[in-house]
Amino acid sequence: MTLKVSVLGCGNSLVGDDAVGLEVLRILEELSPEVPGLDIRLVEAATGGLDIIEYLRDRERAVIIDAILGGGQAGEIRVFDATEIPDPVAPAFSLHGIDLPHALALGRRLYPGEMPRVTVVGIEVGRRPEPTDRRLSPPVAAAVEPGAEAVLAVLHEWSREVCNDA
């Protein structure tokens, strides 16, 4: 059995810390991870929002890497199931036009049975990045490689599940 997996790096490369998901994805692209039992598709989801739905459809699992405003320290990495994202009516959690909880909920309504189980690797940015920022702040830049390691750990966990079931 092979599990179809998408790994999405989200963010805006022109707005400093918001680009952290894209930077983590670049490391993963360099590594070209091949994990037993997984058919991995790496996707740059720079636009975020509703495009995420199309990147996820017909996949069985997905990892979304994104900058988050979760009240933690800048550079803190949180790995969690997308169902754990705070209530969508709470203050902004994602930095994109339509936030992740709304995009996932809409995808489940529009395409029942076609949306994957989603794990989020969120990297805390500590504050909303200013449009004039062009680089990652030092604590967020320091989280890029550990963020890639966190994604690989999720993928290897899924691989163990698939290989043990075979």
C-alpha atoms as a PDB file:
ATOM      1  CA  MET A   1       0.000   0.000   0.000  1.00  0.00           C
ATOM      2  CA  THR A   2       1.220   3.494  -0.842  1.00  0.00           C
ATOM      3  CA  LEU A   3      -0.099   6.577   0.913  1.00  0.00           C
ATOM      4  CA  LYS A   4      -0.547   9.681  -1.271  1.00  0.00           C
ATOM      5  CA  VAL A   5       0.890  12.636   0.658  1.00  0.00           C
ATOM      6  CA  SER A   6       1.192  16.347  -0.092  1.00  0.00           C
ATOM      7  CA  VAL A   7       3.631  18.595   1.745  1.00  0.00           C
ATOM      8  CA  LEU A   8       2.662  22.245   1.356  1.00  0.00           C
ATOM      9  CA  GLY A   9       4.962  25.130   2.185  1.00  0.00           C
ATOM     10  CA  CYS A  10       2.788  28.211   2.687  1.00  0.00           C
ATOM     11  CA  GLY A  11       3.738  31.853   2.909  1.00  0.00           C
ATOM     12  CA  ASN A  12       4.640  35.073   1.205  1.00  0.00           C
ATOM     13  CA  SER A  13       8.310  35.375   0.233  1.00  0.00           C
ATOM     14  CA  LEU A  14       8.037  39.173   0.248  1.00  0.00           C
ATOM     15  CA  VAL A  15       6.933  39.476   3.875  1.00  0.00           C
ATOM     16  CA  GLY A  16       9.785  38.328   6.120  1.00  0.00           C
ATOM     17  CA  ASP A  17       8.733  35.710   8.661  1.00  0.00           C
ATOM     18  CA  ASP A  18       5.650  34.769   6.660  1.00  0.00           C
ATOM     19  CA  ALA A  19       8.030  33.045   4.216  1.00  0.00           C
ATOM     20  CA  VAL A  20       9.151  30.447   6.772  1.00  0.00           C
ATOM     21  CA  GLY A  21       6.931  27.700   5.298  1.00  0.00           C
ATOM     22  CA  LEU A  22       8.478  28.282   1.880  1.00  0.00           C
ATOM     23  CA  GLU A  23      11.990  28.174   3.341  1.00  0.00           C
ATOM     24  CA  VAL A  24      11.289  24.843   5.055  1.00  0.00           C
ATOM     25  CA  LEU A  25       9.918  23.507   1.767  1.00  0.00           C
ATOM     26  CA  ARG A  26      13.133  24.545  -0.043  1.00  0.00           C
ATOM     27  CA  ILE A  27      15.168  22.424   2.347  1.00  0.00           C
ATOM     28  CA  LEU A  28      12.828  19.496   1.755  1.00  0.00           C
ATOM     29  CA  GLU A  29      13.131  19.977  -2.021  1.00  0.00           C
ATOM     30  CA  GLU A  30      16.929  19.811  -1.697  1.00  0.00           C
ATOM     31  CA  LEU A  31      16.645  16.619   0.348  1.00  0.00           C
ATOM     32  CA  SER A  32      14.117  15.070  -2.103  1.00  0.00           C
ATOM     33  CA  PRO A  33      12.779  12.807   0.633  1.00  0.00           C
ATOM     34  CA  GLU A  34      11.892   9.301  -0.416  1.00  0.00           C
ATOM     35  CA  VAL A  35      10.048   7.608   2.390  1.00  0.00           C
ATOM     36  CA  PRO A  36       8.939   3.965   2.103  1.00  0.00           C
ATOM     37  CA  GLY A  37       5.213   3.590   1.546  1.00  0.00           C
ATOM     38  CA  LEU A  38       4.647   7.268   0.730  1.00  0.00           C
ATOM     39  CA  ASP A  39       4.058   8.964  -2.613  1.00  0.00           C
ATOM     40  CA  ILE A  40       5.188  12.473  -1.623  1.00  0.00           C
ATOM     41  CA  ARG A  41       4.282  15.604  -3.584  1.00  0.00           C
ATOM     42  CA  LEU A  42       6.032  18.820  -2.474  1.00  0.00           C
ATOM     43  CA  VAL A  43       3.994  21.950  -3.225  1.00  0.00           C
ATOM     44  CA  GLU A  44       4.843  25.626  -2.922  1.00  0.00           C
ATOM     45  CA  ALA A  45       1.538  27.088  -1.785  1.00  0.00           C
ATOM     46  CA  ALA A  46       2.670  30.696  -1.727  1.00  0.00           C
ATOM     47  CA  THR A  47      -0.784  32.048  -2.391  1.00  0.00           C
ATOM     48  CA  GLY A  48      -2.407  30.004   0.384  1.00  0.00           C
ATOM     49  CA  GLY A  49      -6.121  30.574   0.830  1.00  0.00           C
ATOM     50  CA  LEU A  50      -8.503  28.651  -1.390  1.00  0.00           C
ATOM     51  CA  ASP A  51      -5.721  27.229  -3.576  1.00  0.00           C
ATOM     52  CA  ILE A  52      -4.878  24.947  -0.665  1.00  0.00           C
ATOM     53  CA  ILE A  53      -8.066  22.997  -1.341  1.00  0.00           C
ATOM     54  CA  GLU A  54      -6.905  21.997  -4.824  1.00  0.00           C
ATOM     55  CA  TYR A  55      -3.436  21.041  -3.556  1.00  0.00           C
ATOM     56  CA  LEU A  56      -5.020  18.688  -1.022  1.00  0.00           C
ATOM     57  CA  ARG A  57      -7.792  17.038  -3.003  1.00  0.00           C
ATOM     58  CA  ASP A  58      -7.414  13.336  -3.680  1.00  0.00           C
ATOM     59  CA  ARG A  59      -4.473  13.001  -1.270  1.00  0.00           C
ATOM     60  CA  GLU A  60      -4.751  10.785   1.785  1.00  0.00           C
ATOM     61  CA  ARG A  61      -2.564  12.830   4.116  1.00  0.00           C
ATOM     62  CA  ALA A  62      -0.940  16.228   4.051  1.00  0.00           C
ATOM     63  CA  VAL A  63       1.551  18.299   5.980  1.00  0.00           C
ATOM     64  CA  ILE A  64       1.094  22.053   5.873  1.00  0.00           C
ATOM     65  CA  ILE A  65       4.088  24.152   6.897  1.00  0.00           C
ATOM     66  CA  ASP A  66       3.184  27.714   7.774  1.00  0.00           C
ATOM     67  CA  ALA A  67       3.935  30.728   9.929  1.00  0.00           C
ATOM     68  CA  ILE A  68       1.542  30.961  12.854  1.00  0.00           C
ATOM     69  CA  LEU A  69       0.514  33.545  15.396  1.00  0.00           C
ATOM     70  CA  GLY A  70      -0.270  31.285  18.313  1.00  0.00           C
ATOM     71  CA  GLY A  71       0.972  33.370  21.217  1.00  0.00           C
ATOM     72  CA  GLY A  72       4.273  31.524  21.625  1.00  0.00           C
ATOM     73  CA  GLN A  73       7.901  32.537  21.273  1.00  0.00           C
ATOM     74  CA  ALA A  74       9.188  33.382  17.798  1.00  0.00           C
ATOM     75  CA  GLY A  75      10.824  30.286  16.318  1.00  0.00           C
ATOM     76  CA  GLU A  76       8.805  27.819  18.388  1.00  0.00           C
ATOM     77  CA  ILE A  77       7.723  24.802  16.317  1.00  0.00           C
ATOM     78  CA  ARG A  78       4.335  23.243  16.919  1.00  0.00           C
ATOM     79  CA  VAL A  79       3.190  20.031  15.238  1.00  0.00           C
ATOM     80  CA  PHE A  80      -0.517  19.322  15.499  1.00  0.00           C
ATOM     81  CA  ASP A  81      -3.511  17.889  13.727  1.00  0.00           C
ATOM     82  CA  ALA A  82      -5.432  20.527  11.766  1.00  0.00           C
ATOM     83  CA  THR A  83      -8.512  19.740  13.841  1.00  0.00           C
ATOM     84  CA  GLU A  84      -6.668  21.323  16.797  1.00  0.00           C
ATOM     85  CA  ILE A  85      -6.473  24.753  15.166  1.00  0.00           C
ATOM     86  CA  PRO A  86      -8.272  27.275  17.341  1.00  0.00           C
ATOM     87  CA  ASP A  87     -11.840  28.243  16.529  1.00  0.00           C
ATOM     88  CA  PRO A  88     -11.937  30.167  13.219  1.00  0.00           C
ATOM     89  CA  VAL A  89     -13.710  33.087  14.879  1.00  0.00           C
ATOM     90  CA  ALA A  90     -10.723  33.594  17.182  1.00  0.00           C
ATOM     91  CA  PRO A  91      -8.063  36.206  16.301  1.00  0.00           C
ATOM     92  CA  ALA A  92      -5.982  35.489  13.200  1.00  0.00           C
ATOM     93  CA  PHE A  93      -3.996  32.269  13.330  1.00  0.00           C
ATOM     94  CA  SER A  94      -2.847  32.163   9.714  1.00  0.00           C
ATOM     95  CA  LEU A  95      -1.396  35.123   7.889  1.00  0.00           C
ATOM     96  CA  HIS A  96      -3.275  34.602   4.596  1.00  0.00           C
ATOM     97  CA  GLY A  97      -6.523  36.059   3.207  1.00  0.00           C
ATOM     98  CA  ILE A  98      -8.660  33.039   4.073  1.00  0.00           C
ATOM     99  CA  ASP A  99      -7.278  31.255   7.057  1.00  0.00           C
ATOM    100  CA  LEU A 100      -6.416  27.584   7.148  1.00  0.00           C
ATOM    101  CA  PRO A 101      -9.396  26.438   9.267  1.00  0.00           C
ATOM    102  CA  HIS A 102     -11.867  28.074   6.879  1.00  0.00           C
ATOM    103  CA  ALA A 103     -10.102  26.711   3.776  1.00  0.00           C
ATOM    104  CA  LEU A 104     -10.080  23.169   5.174  1.00  0.00           C
ATOM    105  CA  ALA A 105     -13.716  23.368   6.288  1.00  0.00           C
ATOM    106  CA  LEU A 106     -14.758  24.657   2.876  1.00  0.00           C
ATOM    107  CA  GLY A 107     -12.775  21.890   1.167  1.00  0.00           C
ATOM    108  CA  ARG A 108     -14.523  19.231   3.262  1.00  0.00           C
ATOM    109  CA  ARG A 109     -17.917  20.712   2.355  1.00  0.00           C
ATOM    110  CA  LEU A 110     -17.187  21.083  -1.364  1.00  0.00           C
ATOM    111  CA  TYR A 111     -15.386  17.760  -1.776  1.00  0.00           C
ATOM    112  CA  PRO A 112     -16.649  15.279   0.818  1.00  0.00           C
ATOM    113  CA  GLY A 113     -14.349  12.288   1.068  1.00  0.00           C
ATOM    114  CA  GLU A 114     -11.637  13.919  -1.066  1.00  0.00           C
ATOM    115  CA  MET A 115      -9.789  15.894   1.617  1.00  0.00           C
ATOM    116  CA  PRO A 116      -6.884  14.316   3.522  1.00  0.00           C
ATOM    117  CA  ARG A 117      -6.005  14.107   7.163  1.00  0.00           C
ATOM    118  CA  VAL A 118      -3.856  17.217   7.700  1.00  0.00           C
ATOM    119  CA  THR A 119      -0.958  17.745  10.075  1.00  0.00           C
ATOM    120  CA  VAL A 120       0.340  21.278  10.548  1.00  0.00           C
ATOM    121  CA  VAL A 121       3.956  22.137  11.227  1.00  0.00           C
ATOM    122  CA  GLY A 122       3.517  25.672  12.477  1.00  0.00           C
ATOM    123  CA  ILE A 123       6.432  27.975  13.143  1.00  0.00           C
ATOM    124  CA  GLU A 124       5.577  30.746  15.554  1.00  0.00           C
ATOM    125  CA  VAL A 125       6.491  34.193  14.262  1.00  0.00           C
ATOM    126  CA  GLY A 126       5.620  36.029  17.477  1.00  0.00           C
ATOM    127  CA  ARG A 127       4.142  39.065  15.743  1.00  0.00           C
ATOM    128  CA  ARG A 128       2.496  39.887  12.448  1.00  0.00           C
ATOM    129  CA  PRO A 129       5.308  40.529   9.926  1.00  0.00           C
ATOM    130  CA  GLU A 130       5.445  43.998   8.450  1.00  0.00           C
ATOM    131  CA  PRO A 131       5.164  44.263   4.646  1.00  0.00           C
ATOM    132  CA  THR A 132       8.515  46.063   4.690  1.00  0.00           C
ATOM    133  CA  ASP A 133      10.278  43.040   6.231  1.00  0.00           C
ATOM    134  CA  ARG A 134      12.164  41.096   3.582  1.00  0.00           C
ATOM    135  CA  ARG A 135      14.141  38.588   5.641  1.00  0.00           C
ATOM    136  CA  LEU A 136      13.304  36.067   8.277  1.00  0.00           C
ATOM    137  CA  SER A 137      13.971  37.301  11.805  1.00  0.00           C
ATOM    138  CA  PRO A 138      16.842  35.458  13.543  1.00  0.00           C
ATOM    139  CA  PRO A 139      14.639  33.235  15.775  1.00  0.00           C
ATOM    140  CA  VAL A 140      12.397  32.242  12.850  1.00  0.00           C
ATOM    141  CA  ALA A 141      15.395  31.640  10.548  1.00  0.00           C
ATOM    142  CA  ALA A 142      16.872  29.365  13.232  1.00  0.00           C
ATOM    143  CA  ALA A 143      13.668  27.292  13.127  1.00  0.00           C
ATOM    144  CA  VAL A 144      13.862  26.481   9.390  1.00  0.00           C
ATOM    145  CA  GLU A 145      16.058  23.369   9.625  1.00  0.00           C
ATOM    146  CA  PRO A 146      14.310  22.033  12.751  1.00  0.00           C
ATOM    147  CA  GLY A 147      11.011  22.692  10.919  1.00  0.00           C
ATOM    148  CA  ALA A 148      12.177  20.482   8.040  1.00  0.00           C
ATOM    149  CA  GLU A 149      13.197  17.814  10.564  1.00  0.00           C
ATOM    150  CA  ALA A 150       9.720  18.007  12.120  1.00  0.00           C
ATOM    151  CA  VAL A 151       8.119  17.427   8.706  1.00  0.00           C
ATOM    152  CA  LEU A 152      10.401  14.451   8.052  1.00  0.00           C
ATOM    153  CA  ALA A 153       9.503  13.008  11.464  1.00  0.00           C
ATOM    154  CA  VAL A 154       5.795  13.180  10.562  1.00  0.00           C
ATOM    155  CA  LEU A 155       6.460  11.503   7.210  1.00  0.00           C
ATOM    156  CA  HIS A 156       8.506   8.728   8.808  1.00  0.00           C
ATOM    157  CA  GLU A 157       5.783   8.159  11.408  1.00  0.00           C
ATOM    158  CA  TRP A 158       3.244   7.749   8.598  1.00  0.00           C
ATOM    159  CA  SER A 159       5.659   5.417   6.789  1.00  0.00           C
ATOM    160  CA  ARG A 160       5.898   3.179   9.861  1.00  0.00           C
ATOM    161  CA  GLU A 161       2.079   3.054  10.009  1.00  0.00           C
ATOM    162  CA  VAL A 162       1.822   2.060   6.330  1.00  0.00           C
ATOM    163  CA  CYS A 163       4.662  -0.463   6.439  1.00  0.00           C
ATOM    164  CA  ASN A 164       3.352  -2.082   9.645  1.00  0.00           C
ATOM    165  CA  ASP A 165      -0.107  -2.440   8.087  1.00  0.00           C
ATOM    166  CA  ALA A 166       1.293  -4.123   4.967  1.00  0.00           C
END
